Protein backbone atom coordinates (compact mmCIF):
# COMPACT_ATOMS: atom_id res chain seq x y z
CA MET A 1 79.69 -12.05 52.63
CA GLN A 2 81.49 -10.46 55.59
CA HIS A 3 80.95 -11.56 59.19
CA THR A 4 82.17 -10.10 62.49
CA LEU A 5 82.66 -12.35 65.51
CA ASN A 6 83.22 -11.20 69.08
CA ILE A 7 85.18 -13.87 70.91
CA THR A 8 86.18 -13.98 74.58
CA THR A 9 89.15 -16.25 75.23
CA ARG A 10 91.71 -17.09 77.87
CA ASN A 11 94.85 -14.99 77.69
CA GLU A 12 97.17 -17.69 76.35
CA ALA A 13 100.04 -17.25 73.92
CA SER A 14 98.70 -19.68 71.32
CA VAL A 15 95.04 -18.67 71.32
CA VAL A 16 95.24 -16.32 68.32
CA GLU A 17 97.24 -18.86 66.36
CA ARG A 18 94.56 -21.52 66.92
CA LEU A 19 91.73 -19.14 65.95
CA LEU A 20 93.48 -18.17 62.74
CA GLN A 21 94.37 -21.77 61.94
CA VAL A 22 90.74 -22.92 62.22
CA THR A 23 89.63 -19.90 60.18
CA ARG A 24 92.09 -20.74 57.40
CA TYR A 25 91.33 -24.49 57.42
CA ARG A 26 87.61 -23.79 57.05
CA GLY A 27 88.25 -21.58 54.00
CA TYR A 28 87.43 -18.15 55.43
CA GLN A 29 89.50 -15.12 54.49
CA LEU A 30 90.67 -12.85 57.32
CA ALA A 31 89.39 -9.28 56.84
CA GLY A 32 90.22 -7.86 60.27
CA LEU A 33 91.50 -8.73 63.74
CA ALA A 34 91.46 -6.68 66.94
CA MET A 35 92.43 -7.80 70.44
CA THR A 36 91.89 -6.14 73.80
CA PRO A 37 92.90 -7.61 77.16
CA LEU A 38 90.07 -7.93 79.69
CA THR A 39 90.30 -5.88 82.87
CA ASP A 40 91.47 -8.85 84.92
CA ARG A 41 94.21 -9.68 82.33
CA ALA A 42 93.09 -13.32 82.45
CA GLY A 43 91.33 -13.10 79.11
CA LEU A 44 91.17 -11.43 75.72
CA GLN A 45 88.32 -9.85 73.81
CA ILE A 46 88.96 -10.63 70.14
CA THR A 47 87.02 -9.15 67.24
CA LEU A 48 87.49 -11.32 64.17
CA THR A 49 86.16 -10.23 60.78
CA VAL A 50 86.07 -12.83 58.01
CA GLN A 51 84.83 -13.04 54.43
CA SER A 52 83.39 -16.05 52.66
CA ASP A 53 80.41 -17.26 50.68
CA LYS A 54 80.17 -20.24 53.05
CA PRO A 55 77.65 -20.24 55.92
CA ILE A 56 79.21 -18.69 59.04
CA THR A 57 77.93 -21.61 61.14
CA LEU A 58 80.64 -23.81 59.59
CA LEU A 59 83.24 -21.62 61.27
CA THR A 60 81.47 -20.78 64.53
CA SER A 61 80.69 -24.42 65.27
CA GLN A 62 84.43 -25.19 65.12
CA LEU A 63 85.62 -22.13 67.04
CA VAL A 64 83.37 -22.81 70.05
CA LYS A 65 85.00 -26.24 70.38
CA LEU A 66 88.40 -24.69 71.07
CA TYR A 67 89.46 -25.09 74.69
CA ASP A 68 90.45 -21.44 75.16
CA VAL A 69 87.23 -19.96 73.73
CA GLN A 70 84.92 -18.92 76.56
CA GLN A 71 82.24 -17.07 74.59
CA LEU A 72 81.49 -16.44 70.92
CA GLU A 73 78.95 -14.00 69.53
CA LEU A 74 78.09 -13.23 65.92
CA ALA A 75 78.12 -9.43 65.96
CA SER A 76 77.13 -8.74 62.36
CA ALA A 77 76.70 -10.28 58.98
CA ASP A 78 76.56 -8.14 55.87
CA VAL A 79 73.98 -9.18 53.35
CA ALA A 80 75.40 -9.96 49.93
CA VAL A 81 74.19 -7.57 47.26
CA LEU A 82 73.67 -9.03 43.81
CA ARG A 83 74.05 -6.67 40.87
CA ALA A 84 72.36 -7.30 37.57
């Protein structure tokens, strides 16, 4: 199943590294990453796309605990299609 997360963070050098580290430790595979600085340059808007059969709440509950994460929103979740 593929999930897209919209994350607003502080504009710190190590923020992306921490996000990716938590994603990897929780067993999610990175499918896409896009970053855009906010207009005030004090933050980043990060779109993180991950794939896993695990519930996305296992990842989101850990990401919101990160100091630099200001807001996290689950933008979309594809429904798994089973083929017979």
